[in-house]
Protein backbone atom coordinates (compact mmCIF):
# COMPACT_ATOMS: atom_id res chain seq x y z
CA MET A 1 -88.49 94.13 57.74
CA LYS A 2 -90.74 94.78 54.74
CA ARG A 3 -89.75 91.46 53.15
CA VAL A 4 -90.45 89.42 56.28
CA LEU A 5 -94.15 88.79 55.66
CA PRO A 6 -93.78 87.50 52.06
CA LEU A 7 -90.79 85.43 53.22
CA LEU A 8 -92.84 83.94 56.06
CA PHE A 9 -95.55 82.82 53.65
CA ALA A 10 -92.90 81.40 51.32
CA VAL A 11 -91.44 79.28 54.11
CA LEU A 12 -94.90 78.09 55.16
CA LYS A 13 -95.69 77.19 51.57
CA PHE A 14 -92.52 75.11 51.26
CA ILE A 15 -92.99 73.25 54.55
CA SER A 16 -96.70 72.60 54.04
CA GLY A 17 -95.94 70.65 50.89
CA PHE A 18 -94.28 67.91 52.94
CA VAL A 19 -96.70 68.08 55.87
CA LEU A 20 -99.89 67.75 53.79
CA ALA A 21 -98.77 64.82 51.62
CA SER A 22 -99.91 61.29 52.42
CA ARG A 23 -97.26 58.67 51.76
CA ALA A 24 -100.05 56.29 50.75
CA TYR A 25 -99.30 57.66 47.29
CA GLU A 26 -96.13 57.26 45.25
CA LEU A 27 -94.67 59.62 42.67
CA GLN A 28 -96.80 60.52 39.67
CA ARG A 29 -96.26 58.99 36.21
CA ASP A 30 -94.66 62.08 34.66
CA GLU A 31 -92.32 62.57 37.61
CA TYR A 32 -90.64 59.24 36.88
CA LEU A 33 -90.13 60.25 33.24
CA TYR A 34 -88.52 63.57 34.14
CA LEU A 35 -86.27 61.82 36.65
CA ASP A 36 -85.12 59.43 33.94
CA GLU A 37 -84.44 62.35 31.62
CA GLY A 38 -81.93 63.47 34.24
CA ARG A 39 -79.93 60.35 33.35
CA HIS A 40 -79.82 61.41 29.69
CA LEU A 41 -78.91 65.11 29.72
CA ALA A 42 -79.56 66.84 26.40
CA TRP A 43 -80.73 70.21 25.11
CA GLY A 44 -84.16 68.82 24.36
CA TYR A 45 -86.54 65.90 24.67
CA LEU A 46 -89.64 64.83 22.80
CA GLU A 47 -91.86 66.00 25.64
CA VAL A 48 -90.21 69.08 27.14
CA PRO A 49 -87.20 71.44 26.95
CA PRO A 50 -84.17 70.61 29.13
CA LEU A 51 -84.64 72.59 32.36
CA ILE A 52 -86.62 69.89 34.19
CA ALA A 53 -83.95 67.33 33.27
CA ALA A 54 -81.25 69.52 34.80
CA GLN A 55 -83.21 69.55 38.06
CA ALA A 56 -83.64 65.78 37.77
CA TRP A 57 -79.88 65.35 37.32
CA VAL A 58 -79.27 67.17 40.60
CA THR A 59 -81.96 65.08 42.27
CA GLN A 60 -80.42 61.84 41.02
CA ALA A 61 -76.97 63.00 42.15
CA LEU A 62 -78.41 63.54 45.65
CA GLY A 63 -79.82 60.01 45.75
CA GLY A 64 -83.21 60.56 44.12
CA ASP A 65 -85.16 60.24 47.37
CA TYR A 66 -88.66 61.67 47.88
CA PHE A 67 -87.43 64.87 49.55
CA TRP A 68 -85.22 65.85 46.62
CA VAL A 69 -87.87 64.97 44.03
CA LYS A 70 -90.41 67.21 45.75
CA PHE A 71 -87.86 69.88 46.65
CA TRP A 72 -88.15 71.54 43.24
CA PRO A 73 -91.92 72.07 42.93
CA PHE A 74 -92.05 73.14 46.57
CA LEU A 75 -89.19 75.57 45.95
CA TRP A 76 -90.79 77.16 42.86
CA GLY A 77 -94.12 77.38 44.67
CA ALA A 78 -92.51 79.08 47.66
CA LEU A 79 -90.66 81.56 45.44
CA THR A 80 -93.88 82.37 43.60
CA VAL A 81 -95.59 83.15 46.90
CA TYR A 82 -92.73 85.45 47.81
CA VAL A 83 -92.87 87.25 44.46
CA VAL A 84 -96.62 87.88 44.55
CA GLY A 85 -96.32 89.12 48.13
CA ARG A 86 -93.61 91.53 47.06
CA MET A 87 -95.74 92.55 44.08
CA ALA A 88 -98.53 93.59 46.44
CA GLN A 89 -96.02 95.63 48.41
CA LYS A 90 -94.74 97.32 45.25
CA LEU A 91 -98.30 98.43 44.59
CA GLY A 92 -98.38 100.03 48.05
CA GLY A 93 -100.16 97.20 49.81
CA GLY A 94 -99.86 96.71 53.56
CA TRP A 95 -100.13 93.59 55.69
CA PHE A 96 -103.71 92.91 54.60
CA ALA A 97 -102.95 93.03 50.86
CA VAL A 98 -99.82 90.91 51.23
CA THR A 99 -101.55 88.32 53.40
CA LEU A 100 -104.58 88.13 51.13
CA THR A 101 -102.40 87.82 48.03
CA CYS A 102 -100.31 85.00 49.47
CA LEU A 103 -103.31 83.13 50.86
CA CYS A 104 -105.11 83.37 47.52
CA TYR A 105 -102.16 81.64 45.92
CA CYS A 106 -101.80 79.00 48.63
CA ALA A 107 -105.53 78.23 48.69
CA SER A 108 -105.99 77.84 44.92
CA GLY A 109 -105.07 75.15 42.42
CA TYR A 110 -101.37 75.84 42.91
CA ALA A 111 -101.45 73.62 45.99
CA ARG A 112 -101.87 70.62 43.72
CA LEU A 113 -99.70 71.93 40.90
CA ASN A 114 -96.78 72.71 43.22
CA PHE A 115 -96.90 69.16 44.58
CA LEU A 116 -95.73 67.47 41.37
CA PHE A 117 -92.21 67.41 39.94
CA GLN A 118 -93.22 68.76 36.55
CA PRO A 119 -92.36 71.86 34.48
CA ASN A 120 -95.64 73.52 35.53
CA SER A 121 -94.35 74.89 38.85
CA PHE A 122 -91.44 76.71 37.24
CA GLU A 123 -93.77 77.89 34.47
CA VAL A 124 -96.00 79.68 36.99
CA PHE A 125 -92.98 81.10 38.77
CA GLY A 126 -91.40 82.25 35.48
CA PHE A 127 -94.55 84.00 34.25
CA THR A 128 -95.16 85.60 37.64
CA ILE A 129 -91.66 86.99 38.08
CA CYS A 130 -91.69 88.36 34.52
CA CYS A 131 -94.91 90.22 35.38
CA TYR A 132 -93.26 91.45 38.59
CA TRP A 133 -90.31 92.79 36.62
CA LEU A 134 -92.62 94.44 34.07
CA LEU A 135 -94.44 96.15 36.94
CA SER A 136 -91.08 97.25 38.33
CA TYR A 137 -90.05 98.65 34.95
CA ILE A 138 -93.31 100.60 34.63
CA GLN A 139 -92.69 102.13 38.06
CA GLU A 140 -88.97 102.88 37.70
CA GLU A 141 -88.18 102.68 33.94
CA ARG A 142 -84.79 101.13 34.68
CA PRO A 143 -83.42 99.05 31.77
CA LYS A 144 -82.22 96.29 34.10
CA TYR A 145 -85.78 95.07 34.49
CA LEU A 146 -86.05 94.51 30.74
CA TYR A 147 -82.98 92.27 30.91
CA PHE A 148 -84.47 90.46 33.89
CA ILE A 149 -87.58 89.81 31.80
CA GLY A 150 -85.39 88.56 28.98
CA LEU A 151 -83.66 86.21 31.40
CA GLY A 152 -86.97 84.99 32.81
CA LEU A 153 -88.44 84.34 29.37
CA GLY A 154 -85.29 82.54 28.22
CA LEU A 155 -85.33 80.19 31.20
CA SER A 156 -89.09 79.72 30.79
CA LEU A 157 -88.56 78.66 27.17
CA LEU A 158 -86.02 76.12 28.42
CA ASN A 159 -88.72 74.89 30.79
CA LYS A 160 -91.91 74.66 28.70
CA TYR A 161 -92.96 75.54 25.16
CA THR A 162 -96.22 77.13 26.36
CA THR A 163 -94.00 80.13 27.11
CA PHE A 164 -94.51 81.06 23.44
CA PHE A 165 -98.17 81.75 24.29
CA PHE A 166 -97.13 83.93 27.21
CA ILE A 167 -94.67 85.84 25.02
CA ALA A 168 -97.40 86.43 22.43
CA ALA A 169 -99.74 87.68 25.16
CA LEU A 170 -96.98 89.87 26.61
CA VAL A 171 -96.26 91.47 23.23
CA ALA A 172 -99.98 92.04 22.70
CA GLY A 173 -100.21 93.62 26.16
CA LEU A 174 -97.40 96.02 25.33
CA LEU A 175 -98.92 96.97 21.98
CA LEU A 176 -102.29 97.71 23.59
CA SER A 177 -100.84 99.94 26.31
CA PRO A 178 -98.49 102.93 26.68
CA GLN A 179 -95.65 100.45 27.01
CA ARG A 180 -95.76 100.08 23.21
CA SER A 181 -92.97 102.66 23.25
CA LEU A 182 -90.69 99.83 24.40
CA LEU A 183 -90.63 98.57 20.81
CA THR A 184 -88.33 101.49 19.98
CA ASN A 185 -86.16 100.95 23.05
CA LYS A 186 -82.79 99.36 22.30
CA HIS A 187 -82.73 97.67 25.69
CA PHE A 188 -85.99 95.92 24.83
CA TRP A 189 -84.42 94.35 21.76
CA PHE A 190 -81.19 93.50 23.59
CA ALA A 191 -83.32 91.77 26.23
CA ALA A 192 -85.16 89.90 23.46
CA GLY A 193 -81.74 88.87 22.16
CA LEU A 194 -80.88 87.51 25.60
CA THR A 195 -84.04 85.41 25.53
CA LEU A 196 -83.15 84.03 22.11
CA LEU A 197 -79.56 83.37 23.18
CA LEU A 198 -80.68 81.32 26.17
CA PHE A 199 -83.16 79.36 24.08
CA ALA A 200 -80.80 78.88 21.13
CA PRO A 201 -79.28 75.51 22.21
CA SER A 202 -82.75 73.99 22.69
CA LEU A 203 -83.90 75.48 19.41
CA ALA A 204 -80.85 73.98 17.68
CA TRP A 205 -81.72 70.59 19.19
CA GLN A 206 -85.25 70.88 17.83
CA LEU A 207 -84.00 71.72 14.35
CA ALA A 208 -81.46 68.90 14.42
CA HIS A 209 -84.17 66.39 15.31
CA GLY A 210 -86.81 67.50 12.82
CA ILE A 211 -88.72 69.79 15.23
CA PRO A 212 -90.41 66.99 17.22
CA PHE A 213 -92.25 69.71 19.15
CA LEU A 214 -94.65 70.04 16.21
CA HIS A 215 -95.42 66.32 16.21
CA HIS A 216 -95.83 66.37 19.99
CA MET A 217 -98.37 69.20 19.76
CA SER A 218 -100.24 67.40 16.97
CA GLU A 219 -100.35 64.17 18.97
CA LEU A 220 -101.38 66.05 22.11
CA HIS A 221 -104.20 67.75 20.24
CA ASP A 222 -105.51 64.50 18.76
CA THR A 223 -105.37 62.47 21.98
CA GLN A 224 -106.03 64.99 24.78
CA LEU A 225 -106.76 68.58 23.76
CA VAL A 226 -109.57 67.48 21.45
CA ASN A 227 -111.49 66.61 24.63
CA VAL A 228 -111.15 70.16 26.02
CA SER A 229 -114.16 72.35 25.19
CA ALA A 230 -114.26 76.11 25.73
CA ALA A 231 -117.06 75.67 28.26
CA ASP A 232 -115.10 73.11 30.28
CA PHE A 233 -111.97 75.25 30.04
CA TRP A 234 -113.69 78.29 31.54
CA LYS A 235 -115.54 76.26 34.14
CA ASP A 236 -112.17 74.94 35.25
CA GLN A 237 -110.85 78.51 35.50
CA LEU A 238 -113.44 79.19 38.17
CA VAL A 239 -112.81 75.87 39.92
CA MET A 240 -109.01 76.09 40.00
CA CYS A 241 -108.93 79.53 41.58
CA PHE A 242 -112.40 79.48 43.15
CA PRO A 243 -111.25 80.49 46.68
CA ALA A 244 -109.70 83.61 45.11
CA VAL A 245 -112.30 84.43 42.46
CA TRP A 246 -113.55 87.40 44.51
CA VAL A 247 -109.99 88.77 44.45
CA TRP A 248 -108.69 88.06 40.96
CA VAL A 249 -111.83 89.21 39.12
CA PRO A 250 -111.74 92.68 40.79
CA GLY A 251 -107.99 92.69 40.17
CA LEU A 252 -108.51 92.14 36.46
CA LEU A 253 -111.28 94.74 36.23
CA ALA A 254 -109.26 97.24 38.27
CA LEU A 255 -106.40 97.02 35.79
CA PHE A 256 -108.70 98.53 33.18
CA ALA A 257 -111.10 100.69 35.21
CA TYR A 258 -109.32 101.78 38.42
CA ALA A 259 -107.35 104.94 37.69
CA PRO A 260 -104.33 104.23 39.96
CA PHE A 261 -103.80 100.89 38.19
CA ARG A 262 -104.14 102.11 34.61
CA PRO A 263 -100.38 102.43 34.11
CA TYR A 264 -100.23 98.67 34.59
CA ARG A 265 -103.05 97.69 32.25
CA SER A 266 -100.59 95.91 29.95
CA LEU A 267 -100.61 93.19 32.63
CA GLY A 268 -104.40 92.94 32.25
CA TRP A 269 -103.96 92.48 28.52
CA VAL A 270 -101.42 89.73 29.18
CA TYR A 271 -104.11 87.79 31.03
CA ALA A 272 -106.76 88.48 28.38
CA GLY A 273 -104.44 87.59 25.50
CA GLY A 274 -103.09 84.47 27.14
CA LEU A 275 -106.51 83.08 28.07
CA LEU A 276 -107.87 83.88 24.60
CA LEU A 277 -105.04 81.94 22.98
CA LEU A 278 -105.53 78.96 25.26
CA THR A 279 -109.28 78.97 24.63
CA VAL A 280 -108.89 79.06 20.85
CA LEU A 281 -106.16 76.40 20.83
CA HIS A 282 -108.02 74.09 23.26
CA GLY A 283 -105.25 74.30 25.84
CA LYS A 284 -105.49 72.28 29.01
CA SER A 285 -107.14 74.16 31.84
CA TYR A 286 -104.05 74.32 34.04
CA TYR A 287 -102.00 75.95 31.27
CA SER A 288 -103.57 79.22 32.42
CA LEU A 289 -102.39 79.09 36.04
CA GLY A 290 -99.34 81.24 35.34
CA TYR A 291 -101.58 84.19 34.47
CA TYR A 292 -103.46 84.51 37.78
CA PRO A 293 -100.94 85.35 40.55
CA VAL A 294 -100.46 88.91 39.30
CA LEU A 295 -104.24 89.41 39.49
CA PHE A 296 -104.21 88.27 43.12
CA ALA A 297 -101.82 91.11 43.97
CA PHE A 298 -103.84 93.79 42.16
CA GLY A 299 -107.12 92.50 43.55
CA ALA A 300 -105.84 92.38 47.12
CA VAL A 301 -104.48 95.93 46.95
CA TRP A 302 -107.78 97.13 45.44
CA TRP A 303 -109.69 95.55 48.32
CA GLU A 304 -107.31 97.11 50.84
CA ARG A 305 -107.86 100.57 49.43
CA LEU A 306 -111.61 100.05 49.27
CA LEU A 307 -111.73 99.04 52.93
CA GLN A 308 -109.65 102.02 54.02
CA SER A 309 -112.69 104.25 53.45
CA PHE A 310 -115.04 101.80 55.15
CA ARG A 311 -115.95 102.61 58.73
CA TYR A 312 -115.50 99.07 59.98
CA GLY A 313 -112.57 98.21 57.70
CA ALA A 314 -110.26 97.49 60.61
CA PHE A 315 -112.62 94.72 61.74
CA VAL A 316 -113.46 93.40 58.27
CA ARG A 317 -109.88 92.95 57.06
CA PRO A 318 -108.90 90.16 59.52
CA VAL A 319 -112.11 88.32 58.60
CA LEU A 320 -111.58 88.65 54.84
CA VAL A 321 -108.11 87.13 54.91
CA LEU A 322 -109.71 83.97 56.25
CA VAL A 323 -112.16 83.73 53.34
CA PRO A 324 -109.77 81.87 50.95
CA LEU A 325 -109.00 79.34 53.67
CA LEU A 326 -112.70 78.81 54.42
CA MET A 327 -113.56 78.48 50.73
CA ILE A 328 -110.84 75.91 50.20
CA LEU A 329 -112.17 73.52 52.83
CA PRO A 330 -114.60 71.61 50.54
CA ILE A 331 -111.88 70.93 47.95
CA VAL A 332 -108.91 70.31 50.25
CA PRO A 333 -108.84 66.58 49.36
CA PHE A 334 -108.34 67.50 45.69
CA LEU A 335 -105.45 69.86 46.40
CA PHE A 336 -103.47 67.82 48.93
CA THR A 337 -103.01 64.04 48.99
CA LEU A 338 -104.28 63.85 52.54
CA TYR A 339 -106.44 60.74 52.30
CA PRO A 340 -105.70 57.19 51.11
CA PRO A 341 -107.31 56.01 47.84
CA ALA A 342 -110.30 54.16 49.33
CA TYR A 343 -111.52 57.18 51.26
CA MET A 344 -110.60 59.50 48.38
CA GLN A 345 -112.94 57.53 46.11
CA VAL A 346 -115.85 58.19 48.48
CA ILE A 347 -115.06 61.91 48.56
CA SER A 348 -114.64 62.11 44.78
CA ALA A 349 -118.10 60.70 44.17
CA LYS A 350 -119.62 63.69 45.97
CA TYR A 351 -117.93 66.18 43.62
CA GLU A 352 -118.42 64.37 40.32
CA SER A 353 -120.38 67.30 38.83
CA LEU A 354 -117.36 69.60 39.15
CA GLY A 355 -115.32 67.46 36.78
CA LEU A 356 -112.48 67.00 39.25
CA THR A 357 -112.27 63.30 38.37
CA ARG A 358 -112.52 63.77 34.62
CA TRP A 359 -109.39 62.43 32.97
CA GLU A 360 -107.70 63.39 29.73
CA ASP A 361 -109.87 60.82 27.92
CA GLY A 362 -112.88 63.00 28.74
CA LYS A 363 -114.42 60.37 31.02
CA VAL A 364 -115.20 60.49 34.76
CA HIS A 365 -113.26 58.01 36.97
CA PRO A 366 -113.26 57.06 40.70
CA LEU A 367 -110.15 59.14 41.50
CA PRO A 368 -108.58 62.26 39.99
CA GLN A 369 -106.16 61.26 37.24
CA ASP A 370 -103.07 62.48 39.08
CA TYR A 371 -104.03 60.43 42.12
CA ALA A 372 -104.56 57.24 40.10
CA ASP A 373 -101.22 57.94 38.44
CA MET A 374 -99.52 57.86 41.87
CA ILE A 375 -100.46 54.26 42.61
CA GLY A 376 -99.11 50.85 41.58
CA TRP A 377 -95.64 51.83 40.38
CA GLN A 378 -93.69 50.35 43.29
CA GLU A 379 -95.64 47.12 42.83
CA LEU A 380 -94.72 47.03 39.14
CA ALA A 381 -91.06 47.75 39.80
CA ASP A 382 -90.76 45.12 42.55
CA LYS A 383 -92.46 42.42 40.50
CA THR A 384 -90.26 43.18 37.52
CA TYR A 385 -87.16 42.90 39.69
CA GLN A 386 -88.40 39.63 41.20
CA ALA A 387 -89.01 38.21 37.73
CA TYR A 388 -85.48 39.17 36.72
CA GLN A 389 -83.96 37.68 39.86
CA ALA A 390 -85.72 34.37 39.15
CA LEU A 391 -83.85 33.98 35.85
CA PRO A 392 -80.84 31.61 35.64
CA ASP A 393 -77.58 33.25 36.66
CA SER A 394 -75.92 32.17 33.41
CA THR A 395 -78.39 33.96 31.12
CA ARG A 396 -79.78 36.74 33.29
CA ALA A 397 -77.44 39.37 31.84
CA PHE A 398 -78.91 38.83 28.34
CA THR A 399 -82.30 40.32 29.20
CA LEU A 400 -84.23 43.14 27.53
CA ILE A 401 -86.97 44.93 29.46
CA LYS A 402 -89.49 46.44 27.05
CA CYS A 403 -92.43 48.54 28.33
CA ASP A 404 -95.54 49.77 26.60
CA ASN A 405 -95.24 53.35 27.89
CA TYR A 406 -92.85 55.78 29.54
CA GLY A 407 -94.58 55.60 32.92
CA GLN A 408 -93.88 51.89 33.24
CA ALA A 409 -90.27 52.17 32.06
CA SER A 410 -89.39 55.19 34.18
CA ALA A 411 -91.02 53.81 37.36
CA ILE A 412 -89.16 50.52 37.00
CA ASN A 413 -85.90 52.42 36.57
CA TYR A 414 -86.59 54.70 39.54
CA TYR A 415 -87.47 52.06 42.12
CA ASN A 416 -84.70 49.76 40.96
CA ARG A 417 -82.06 52.46 40.75
CA HIS A 418 -80.05 50.87 43.58
CA ARG A 419 -80.54 47.30 42.35
CA VAL A 420 -78.79 45.28 39.67
CA LEU A 421 -81.33 45.33 36.87
CA PRO A 422 -81.10 46.22 33.16
CA ILE A 423 -82.55 49.59 32.22
CA ALA A 424 -86.21 49.38 31.25
CA ASN A 425 -86.94 50.62 27.73
CA SER A 426 -89.89 51.70 25.63
CA PHE A 427 -90.83 53.02 22.20
CA ASN A 428 -92.83 55.76 23.92
CA GLY A 429 -91.65 59.37 24.09
CA SER A 430 -87.99 60.19 24.62
CA TYR A 431 -87.23 56.54 25.31
CA LEU A 432 -86.97 56.24 21.54
CA PHE A 433 -83.59 57.97 21.83
CA TRP A 434 -82.37 55.65 24.58
CA PHE A 435 -83.26 52.23 23.20
CA PRO A 436 -80.15 50.02 23.42
CA ALA A 437 -78.17 49.08 20.34
CA ARG A 438 -78.60 45.54 19.14
CA PRO A 439 -76.26 43.33 21.22
CA THR A 440 -73.56 41.14 19.72
CA LYS A 441 -74.92 38.14 21.63
CA PRO A 442 -78.65 37.41 21.28
CA TYR A 443 -81.15 38.16 24.01
CA ARG A 444 -82.11 35.09 26.05
CA HIS A 445 -85.01 36.71 27.93
CA LEU A 446 -87.53 39.45 27.24
CA LEU A 447 -89.54 41.01 30.05
CA LEU A 448 -92.52 42.62 28.35
CA ILE A 449 -94.49 45.14 30.41
CA GLY A 450 -98.01 45.98 29.30
CA GLU A 451 -97.88 43.91 26.11
CA GLY A 452 -101.34 44.03 24.58
CA ASN A 453 -101.07 41.11 22.15
CA PRO A 454 -99.31 38.22 23.87
CA ALA A 455 -101.04 35.55 21.75
CA GLY A 456 -99.37 36.90 18.61
CA LEU A 457 -95.95 36.60 20.24
CA VAL A 458 -96.20 32.98 21.41
CA PRO A 459 -94.69 31.46 18.22
CA HIS A 460 -91.58 33.66 18.60
CA PHE A 461 -90.52 32.26 22.00
CA ARG A 462 -89.55 28.89 23.34
CA GLU A 463 -91.80 29.86 26.25
CA LEU A 464 -93.97 32.89 27.01
CA ARG A 465 -95.83 33.26 30.30
CA LYS A 466 -97.22 35.86 32.66
CA VAL A 467 -95.06 36.34 35.74
CA GLY A 468 -96.71 39.38 37.32
CA GLU A 469 -99.48 41.97 37.15
CA ILE A 470 -100.45 45.27 38.81
CA THR A 471 -103.32 44.34 41.10
CA ASN A 472 -103.92 47.58 43.04
CA PRO A 473 -107.56 48.43 42.23
CA TYR A 474 -106.96 52.20 42.36
CA ALA A 475 -103.99 52.29 40.00
CA ARG A 476 -104.47 53.77 36.56
CA GLU A 477 -102.25 50.92 35.36
CA LYS A 478 -104.33 48.22 37.09
CA GLY A 479 -104.11 45.00 35.07
CA THR A 480 -100.77 45.84 33.46
CA THR A 481 -99.02 42.50 32.97
CA ILE A 482 -95.41 41.38 33.14
CA LEU A 483 -94.64 38.69 30.55
CA LEU A 484 -91.47 36.65 30.46
CA GLY A 485 -90.40 35.36 27.07
CA ASN A 486 -87.50 32.92 26.90
CA ASP A 487 -85.24 32.47 23.85
CA PRO A 488 -86.88 34.89 21.40
CA ASP A 489 -86.26 34.11 17.74
CA ALA A 490 -84.25 36.36 15.42
CA ALA A 491 -87.39 37.43 13.51
CA LEU A 492 -88.93 38.97 16.62
CA ILE A 493 -85.78 40.87 17.54
CA GLU A 494 -85.46 42.08 13.96
CA ARG A 495 -89.06 43.28 14.05
CA ALA A 496 -88.52 45.07 17.36
CA TYR A 497 -85.57 47.07 16.06
CA ARG A 498 -87.40 47.82 12.80
CA GLU A 499 -90.43 49.11 14.74
CA HIS A 500 -88.12 51.22 16.88
CA LYS A 501 -86.59 52.79 13.81
CA GLU A 502 -90.01 53.48 12.31
CA ALA A 503 -91.33 54.98 15.55
CA LEU A 504 -88.34 57.32 15.83
CA ALA A 505 -88.73 58.34 12.19
CA VAL A 506 -92.30 59.53 12.88
CA TRP A 507 -90.93 62.09 15.34
CA GLU A 508 -88.03 63.09 13.14
CA LYS A 509 -89.97 63.09 9.86
CA GLU A 510 -89.20 66.76 9.26
CA LYS A 511 -85.47 66.22 9.66
């Protein structure tokens, strides 16, 4: 019966994901990319390790519908809720501590994170369960927990490279606590070997392709992370987990100052080390979300013990568990896609000062970036298909669809997955690996999505004209055009394949 309460919150977390999602929005840009990676299984990609692609492969095999796309982030979110609830119980927490812990998770930024089919949901789950197993080892000193941690870290490395930061923070936490004795424990090193063994195929892929991870990090820093200041990073820490700030801050402090929690202070150092690394390296704000759930559990148990000595504790506890839900009310529209874009724009304007609509370019926009990235893709895919269908039957098969970015290509492929349409391609991201070989018969038609310099291409076609455009005013891709070029000359095709080769060489320059 002890597991019932955490399990109940896990089930509610999973179901709420579907209930609180407005279908006025489509999938998000990155979700389409990861779904397409499921069509090209490999041990690595330019953007991420292979675990998300394995999930995408299963999703595609099941038809690729909305339920199966969202199944994975909702699953990892539900499992994380269960783990933090069990963590509170392992610390001796009762119904109040478990309820408060689970509600802190459900009412914080994880509501939005666990909505998207991205590696982030598994990242949070992986970090949280590794902390749970470390806590279990500290309590019981059974070697199996070290191997569980090794397994969790190995799978996390196959999910996202930010796991290296967590591993660094974990090692620092061990060195700064009594658990430093683990460094002389053979099971610790065998567990580390298990982590390396699991990650080895992905590591081999990286080495074989010139370690594109390094180029990806450099590009990410120059285009996105450069806009992340330490002040904005820490302000976002308060915003993302604001409904639980009164729980996780005491939880962090208690790990260092509350005597019953001192055996676990290595977990406090994990948080401190991880956040320090992310601050110094200008990490995105949400990179830190995997470090907070453990603090919810410690903070909730600390509050429970504090209230046990309070005369009116029995009356205060039921009220306090409602606090995260009450605090979340003002930001509910930014956690769940409840409202259509027009109304969401009105709401966003009221919270501009919080930076919730600041995009990766560092500028403030009408909608949060994720919301704008969930609009216009079906329109693009349908118009591309209609343009293809309008081509002559005799030449339609000799068509190349070339997109400016991965979002365009992957969305076209997703929404046309049950239609007869050539695969959309791009020179962006992992699509560099999937660009088709030069055909034996020349292309008769080119559908160019998002081409920024159509005037320079006119001399290379018998005819070049616009046949479609994204018109949804709320779409991040608003204004993206669909150009149809008929009978491209050999010079243009030669240039396209040369540019593809050069673009791929940039990623594999270390090879």
